[in-house]
């Protein structure tokens, strides 16, 4: 099993930055061998992937966040981080970490972008 815990959410003004972390425990080998994605969900909308990173380090970004968000892995801390810059009100959502092709999800962290 793999346990995923997100952190780093909060309230930020438009144009600001936040850094989300997804910390893994349990089967760490599976964590590092599997693509990890960040997803977000808002009321009335389906949960959608915003960024992902493969075991080889290949990254993917949704068009809505390309150029503003950066996903990376930290092998020393068993984490995947999502650096979010130039935040917009439409980035407001609960952000989740997910191990692709598994049932492993974190509980989410709330990001609110508002003045």
N, C-alpha and C. Protein backbone atom coordinates (compact mmCIF):
# COMPACT_ATOMS: atom_id res chain seq x y z
N UNK A 1 0.83 -1.20 0.00
CA UNK A 1 0.00 0.00 0.00
C UNK A 1 0.86 1.25 0.00
N UNK A 2 0.26 2.33 -0.50
CA UNK A 2 0.92 3.63 -0.50
C UNK A 2 -0.02 4.65 0.13
N UNK A 3 0.51 5.41 1.07
CA UNK A 3 -0.26 6.49 1.68
C UNK A 3 0.27 7.82 1.12
N UNK A 4 -0.66 8.67 0.74
CA UNK A 4 -0.31 9.98 0.17
C UNK A 4 -0.92 11.08 1.02
N UNK A 5 -0.12 12.06 1.38
CA UNK A 5 -0.60 13.17 2.20
C UNK A 5 -0.19 14.48 1.53
N UNK A 6 -1.19 15.29 1.19
CA UNK A 6 -0.93 16.59 0.59
C UNK A 6 -0.81 17.67 1.67
N UNK A 7 -0.03 18.69 1.36
CA UNK A 7 0.10 19.84 2.25
C UNK A 7 0.47 21.05 1.42
N UNK A 8 0.34 22.22 2.03
CA UNK A 8 0.78 23.45 1.38
C UNK A 8 -0.32 24.34 0.86
N UNK A 9 -1.57 23.89 0.96
CA UNK A 9 -2.66 24.72 0.48
C UNK A 9 -2.89 25.91 1.40
N UNK A 10 -3.73 26.82 0.94
CA UNK A 10 -4.04 28.00 1.75
C UNK A 10 -4.68 29.08 0.91
N UNK A 11 -4.74 30.27 1.50
CA UNK A 11 -5.32 31.44 0.84
C UNK A 11 -4.20 32.30 0.29
N UNK A 12 -4.32 32.70 -0.96
CA UNK A 12 -3.30 33.52 -1.59
C UNK A 12 -3.99 34.52 -2.51
N UNK A 13 -3.37 35.67 -2.68
CA UNK A 13 -3.94 36.69 -3.57
C UNK A 13 -3.63 36.36 -5.02
N UNK A 14 -4.45 36.82 -5.94
CA UNK A 14 -4.15 36.63 -7.36
C UNK A 14 -2.75 37.13 -7.70
N UNK A 15 -2.04 36.34 -8.49
CA UNK A 15 -0.66 36.65 -8.83
C UNK A 15 0.36 36.06 -7.88
N UNK A 16 -0.12 35.52 -6.78
CA UNK A 16 0.78 34.94 -5.78
C UNK A 16 1.19 33.52 -6.11
N UNK A 17 1.91 32.91 -5.17
CA UNK A 17 2.45 31.56 -5.37
C UNK A 17 2.15 30.68 -4.16
N UNK A 18 2.05 29.40 -4.44
CA UNK A 18 1.97 28.38 -3.39
C UNK A 18 2.76 27.17 -3.85
N UNK A 19 3.22 26.40 -2.89
CA UNK A 19 3.95 25.17 -3.19
C UNK A 19 3.26 24.02 -2.47
N UNK A 20 2.69 23.12 -3.25
CA UNK A 20 2.03 21.96 -2.68
C UNK A 20 3.01 20.78 -2.63
N UNK A 21 2.87 19.98 -1.59
CA UNK A 21 3.69 18.77 -1.47
C UNK A 21 2.80 17.55 -1.32
N UNK A 22 3.24 16.46 -1.92
CA UNK A 22 2.58 15.16 -1.78
C UNK A 22 3.62 14.22 -1.19
N UNK A 23 3.44 13.86 0.08
CA UNK A 23 4.40 13.00 0.76
C UNK A 23 3.89 11.56 0.75
N UNK A 24 4.77 10.65 0.37
CA UNK A 24 4.40 9.24 0.28
C UNK A 24 5.03 8.45 1.41
N UNK A 25 4.29 7.42 1.83
CA UNK A 25 4.81 6.45 2.79
C UNK A 25 4.25 5.09 2.43
N UNK A 26 4.83 4.06 3.03
CA UNK A 26 4.40 2.71 2.69
C UNK A 26 5.29 2.11 1.62
N UNK A 27 4.70 1.69 0.51
CA UNK A 27 5.45 1.08 -0.59
C UNK A 27 6.11 2.18 -1.43
N UNK A 28 7.26 2.64 -0.95
CA UNK A 28 7.93 3.75 -1.60
C UNK A 28 8.42 3.37 -3.00
N UNK A 29 8.81 2.12 -3.16
CA UNK A 29 9.28 1.67 -4.47
C UNK A 29 8.19 1.82 -5.51
N UNK A 30 6.96 1.48 -5.16
CA UNK A 30 5.84 1.64 -6.08
C UNK A 30 5.63 3.13 -6.38
N UNK A 31 5.76 3.96 -5.36
CA UNK A 31 5.59 5.41 -5.54
C UNK A 31 6.56 5.93 -6.58
N UNK A 32 7.81 5.50 -6.52
CA UNK A 32 8.82 6.02 -7.43
C UNK A 32 8.74 5.39 -8.81
N UNK A 33 8.11 4.25 -8.93
CA UNK A 33 8.00 3.57 -10.22
C UNK A 33 6.73 3.93 -10.98
N UNK A 34 5.88 4.73 -10.36
CA UNK A 34 4.57 5.03 -10.94
C UNK A 34 4.43 6.52 -11.22
N UNK A 35 3.73 6.84 -12.29
CA UNK A 35 3.43 8.25 -12.57
C UNK A 35 2.57 8.84 -11.46
N UNK A 36 2.95 10.01 -11.00
CA UNK A 36 2.22 10.72 -9.96
C UNK A 36 1.58 11.95 -10.58
N UNK A 37 0.31 12.14 -10.28
CA UNK A 37 -0.41 13.29 -10.83
C UNK A 37 -1.01 14.15 -9.74
N UNK A 38 -1.12 15.43 -10.06
CA UNK A 38 -1.89 16.37 -9.24
C UNK A 38 -3.19 16.66 -9.97
N UNK A 39 -4.27 16.56 -9.24
CA UNK A 39 -5.60 16.80 -9.78
C UNK A 39 -6.27 17.90 -8.95
N UNK A 40 -7.27 18.52 -9.52
CA UNK A 40 -8.03 19.49 -8.75
C UNK A 40 -9.51 19.32 -9.02
N UNK A 41 -10.28 19.72 -8.01
CA UNK A 41 -11.73 19.55 -8.08
C UNK A 41 -12.40 20.77 -7.49
N UNK A 42 -13.42 21.26 -8.19
CA UNK A 42 -14.25 22.35 -7.69
C UNK A 42 -15.70 21.87 -7.70
N UNK A 43 -16.55 22.48 -6.87
CA UNK A 43 -17.96 22.06 -6.83
C UNK A 43 -18.61 22.10 -8.21
N UNK A 44 -19.25 21.02 -8.58
CA UNK A 44 -19.95 20.97 -9.85
C UNK A 44 -19.09 20.58 -11.03
N UNK A 45 -17.80 20.39 -10.80
CA UNK A 45 -16.91 20.02 -11.89
C UNK A 45 -16.23 18.70 -11.58
N UNK A 46 -15.93 17.96 -12.63
CA UNK A 46 -15.24 16.69 -12.45
C UNK A 46 -13.79 16.92 -12.06
N UNK A 47 -13.25 16.03 -11.25
CA UNK A 47 -11.85 16.13 -10.88
C UNK A 47 -11.01 16.00 -12.14
N UNK A 48 -10.04 16.90 -12.30
CA UNK A 48 -9.24 16.94 -13.52
C UNK A 48 -7.76 17.00 -13.20
N UNK A 49 -6.98 16.36 -14.04
CA UNK A 49 -5.54 16.35 -13.85
C UNK A 49 -4.96 17.70 -14.31
N UNK A 50 -4.07 18.25 -13.51
CA UNK A 50 -3.42 19.50 -13.89
C UNK A 50 -1.95 19.30 -14.23
N UNK A 51 -1.33 18.27 -13.64
CA UNK A 51 0.07 18.02 -13.93
C UNK A 51 0.41 16.59 -13.51
N UNK A 52 1.43 16.02 -14.16
CA UNK A 52 1.88 14.70 -13.76
C UNK A 52 3.36 14.56 -14.07
N UNK A 53 3.98 13.58 -13.43
CA UNK A 53 5.40 13.32 -13.66
C UNK A 53 5.62 11.81 -13.63
N UNK A 54 6.32 11.30 -14.64
CA UNK A 54 6.58 9.87 -14.71
C UNK A 54 7.78 9.50 -13.85
N UNK A 55 8.04 8.21 -13.76
CA UNK A 55 9.19 7.73 -13.00
C UNK A 55 10.50 8.21 -13.64
N UNK A 56 10.47 8.48 -14.94
CA UNK A 56 11.67 8.97 -15.62
C UNK A 56 11.80 10.49 -15.57
N UNK A 57 10.77 11.13 -15.03
CA UNK A 57 10.82 12.59 -14.91
C UNK A 57 10.13 13.35 -16.02
N UNK A 58 9.47 12.64 -16.92
CA UNK A 58 8.72 13.31 -17.97
C UNK A 58 7.48 13.96 -17.37
N UNK A 59 7.25 15.21 -17.74
CA UNK A 59 6.15 15.97 -17.14
C UNK A 59 5.05 16.26 -18.16
N UNK A 60 3.86 16.45 -17.61
CA UNK A 60 2.69 16.84 -18.41
C UNK A 60 1.97 17.96 -17.66
N UNK A 61 1.46 18.93 -18.41
CA UNK A 61 0.69 20.01 -17.81
C UNK A 61 -0.58 20.25 -18.62
N UNK A 62 -1.66 20.49 -17.92
CA UNK A 62 -2.87 20.92 -18.60
C UNK A 62 -2.65 22.31 -19.19
N UNK A 63 -3.32 22.60 -20.27
CA UNK A 63 -3.13 23.88 -20.94
C UNK A 63 -3.40 25.06 -19.99
N UNK A 64 -4.34 24.87 -19.08
CA UNK A 64 -4.74 25.96 -18.20
C UNK A 64 -3.66 26.36 -17.20
N UNK A 65 -2.67 25.49 -16.99
CA UNK A 65 -1.63 25.79 -16.00
C UNK A 65 -0.24 25.83 -16.61
N UNK A 66 -0.15 25.52 -17.89
CA UNK A 66 1.16 25.46 -18.55
C UNK A 66 1.87 26.81 -18.45
N UNK A 67 3.13 26.77 -18.05
CA UNK A 67 3.90 28.00 -17.90
C UNK A 67 3.77 28.64 -16.53
N UNK A 68 2.84 28.16 -15.73
CA UNK A 68 2.64 28.73 -14.39
C UNK A 68 2.92 27.72 -13.28
N UNK A 69 2.65 26.45 -13.54
CA UNK A 69 2.85 25.39 -12.55
C UNK A 69 4.06 24.55 -12.95
N UNK A 70 4.77 24.04 -11.94
CA UNK A 70 5.90 23.15 -12.17
C UNK A 70 5.83 21.98 -11.21
N UNK A 71 5.87 20.78 -11.78
CA UNK A 71 5.83 19.55 -10.96
C UNK A 71 7.23 18.96 -10.90
N UNK A 72 7.59 18.42 -9.74
CA UNK A 72 8.92 17.83 -9.60
C UNK A 72 8.90 16.76 -8.52
N UNK A 73 9.91 15.90 -8.56
CA UNK A 73 10.07 14.85 -7.55
C UNK A 73 11.27 15.19 -6.67
N UNK A 74 11.18 14.85 -5.40
CA UNK A 74 12.29 15.00 -4.46
C UNK A 74 12.56 13.63 -3.85
N UNK A 75 13.61 12.98 -4.34
CA UNK A 75 13.89 11.62 -3.89
C UNK A 75 14.37 11.57 -2.45
N UNK A 76 14.90 12.69 -1.95
CA UNK A 76 15.40 12.69 -0.57
C UNK A 76 14.26 12.74 0.44
N UNK A 77 13.10 13.22 -0.01
CA UNK A 77 11.98 13.36 0.91
C UNK A 77 10.78 12.51 0.52
N UNK A 78 10.90 11.73 -0.54
CA UNK A 78 9.78 10.91 -1.04
C UNK A 78 8.54 11.76 -1.26
N UNK A 79 8.74 12.88 -1.95
CA UNK A 79 7.63 13.78 -2.22
C UNK A 79 7.58 14.16 -3.69
N UNK A 80 6.41 14.57 -4.11
CA UNK A 80 6.22 15.21 -5.40
C UNK A 80 5.62 16.58 -5.10
N UNK A 81 6.24 17.61 -5.62
CA UNK A 81 5.78 18.96 -5.33
C UNK A 81 5.16 19.60 -6.56
N UNK A 82 4.27 20.54 -6.30
CA UNK A 82 3.65 21.31 -7.36
C UNK A 82 3.85 22.78 -7.01
N UNK A 83 4.76 23.42 -7.73
CA UNK A 83 4.99 24.85 -7.54
C UNK A 83 3.99 25.60 -8.40
N UNK A 84 3.20 26.44 -7.77
CA UNK A 84 2.15 27.16 -8.48
C UNK A 84 2.43 28.66 -8.41
N UNK A 85 2.68 29.25 -9.54
CA UNK A 85 2.97 30.68 -9.63
C UNK A 85 1.89 31.39 -10.44
N UNK A 86 1.88 32.70 -10.33
CA UNK A 86 0.91 33.52 -11.07
C UNK A 86 -0.51 32.97 -10.92
N UNK A 87 -0.87 32.71 -9.69
CA UNK A 87 -2.16 32.07 -9.44
C UNK A 87 -3.31 32.99 -9.81
N UNK A 88 -4.39 32.36 -10.28
CA UNK A 88 -5.60 33.07 -10.70
C UNK A 88 -6.78 32.58 -9.85
N UNK A 89 -7.82 33.38 -9.75
CA UNK A 89 -8.99 32.93 -8.98
C UNK A 89 -9.55 31.60 -9.48
N UNK A 90 -9.44 31.34 -10.78
CA UNK A 90 -9.96 30.09 -11.32
C UNK A 90 -9.11 28.87 -10.94
N UNK A 91 -7.97 29.10 -10.28
CA UNK A 91 -7.17 27.99 -9.76
C UNK A 91 -7.70 27.51 -8.41
N UNK A 92 -8.66 28.22 -7.86
CA UNK A 92 -9.24 27.82 -6.58
C UNK A 92 -9.88 26.44 -6.70
N UNK A 93 -9.46 25.53 -5.82
CA UNK A 93 -9.93 24.14 -5.89
C UNK A 93 -9.33 23.35 -4.74
N UNK A 94 -9.83 22.14 -4.56
CA UNK A 94 -9.14 21.18 -3.71
C UNK A 94 -8.20 20.39 -4.61
N UNK A 95 -6.93 20.34 -4.22
CA UNK A 95 -5.90 19.67 -5.00
C UNK A 95 -5.58 18.32 -4.38
N UNK A 96 -5.53 17.32 -5.24
CA UNK A 96 -5.29 15.94 -4.80
C UNK A 96 -4.06 15.37 -5.50
N UNK A 97 -3.39 14.52 -4.79
CA UNK A 97 -2.26 13.76 -5.32
C UNK A 97 -2.75 12.34 -5.60
N UNK A 98 -2.30 11.75 -6.71
CA UNK A 98 -2.79 10.43 -7.11
C UNK A 98 -1.69 9.63 -7.78
N UNK A 99 -1.67 8.36 -7.45
CA UNK A 99 -0.75 7.43 -8.10
C UNK A 99 -1.52 6.82 -9.27
N UNK A 100 -1.09 7.11 -10.49
CA UNK A 100 -1.84 6.71 -11.67
C UNK A 100 -2.05 5.20 -11.74
N UNK A 101 -3.23 4.81 -12.23
CA UNK A 101 -3.59 3.40 -12.42
C UNK A 101 -3.67 2.64 -11.10
N UNK A 102 -3.88 3.36 -10.01
CA UNK A 102 -4.10 2.73 -8.71
C UNK A 102 -5.29 3.42 -8.03
N UNK A 103 -5.64 2.92 -6.86
CA UNK A 103 -6.72 3.56 -6.08
C UNK A 103 -6.15 4.50 -5.03
N UNK A 104 -4.88 4.81 -5.12
CA UNK A 104 -4.24 5.63 -4.08
C UNK A 104 -4.39 7.12 -4.37
N UNK A 105 -5.13 7.76 -3.48
CA UNK A 105 -5.34 9.21 -3.53
C UNK A 105 -5.05 9.79 -2.16
N UNK A 106 -4.60 11.02 -2.12
CA UNK A 106 -4.54 11.73 -0.86
C UNK A 106 -5.90 12.30 -0.52
N UNK A 107 -5.99 12.96 0.64
CA UNK A 107 -7.27 13.52 1.07
C UNK A 107 -7.51 14.92 0.54
N UNK A 108 -6.47 15.51 -0.05
CA UNK A 108 -6.63 16.81 -0.68
C UNK A 108 -6.21 17.97 0.19
N UNK A 109 -5.87 19.08 -0.46
CA UNK A 109 -5.55 20.32 0.23
C UNK A 109 -6.21 21.46 -0.53
N UNK A 110 -6.82 22.39 0.22
CA UNK A 110 -7.60 23.45 -0.39
C UNK A 110 -6.73 24.64 -0.76
N UNK A 111 -6.86 25.08 -1.98
CA UNK A 111 -6.19 26.28 -2.46
C UNK A 111 -7.27 27.30 -2.81
N UNK A 112 -7.15 28.47 -2.20
CA UNK A 112 -8.10 29.55 -2.47
C UNK A 112 -7.33 30.76 -2.96
N UNK A 113 -7.68 31.22 -4.15
CA UNK A 113 -7.03 32.40 -4.74
C UNK A 113 -8.06 33.52 -4.76
N UNK A 114 -7.83 34.51 -3.91
CA UNK A 114 -8.82 35.57 -3.77
C UNK A 114 -8.18 36.80 -3.16
N UNK A 115 -8.69 37.97 -3.56
CA UNK A 115 -8.21 39.21 -2.97
C UNK A 115 -9.09 39.62 -1.80
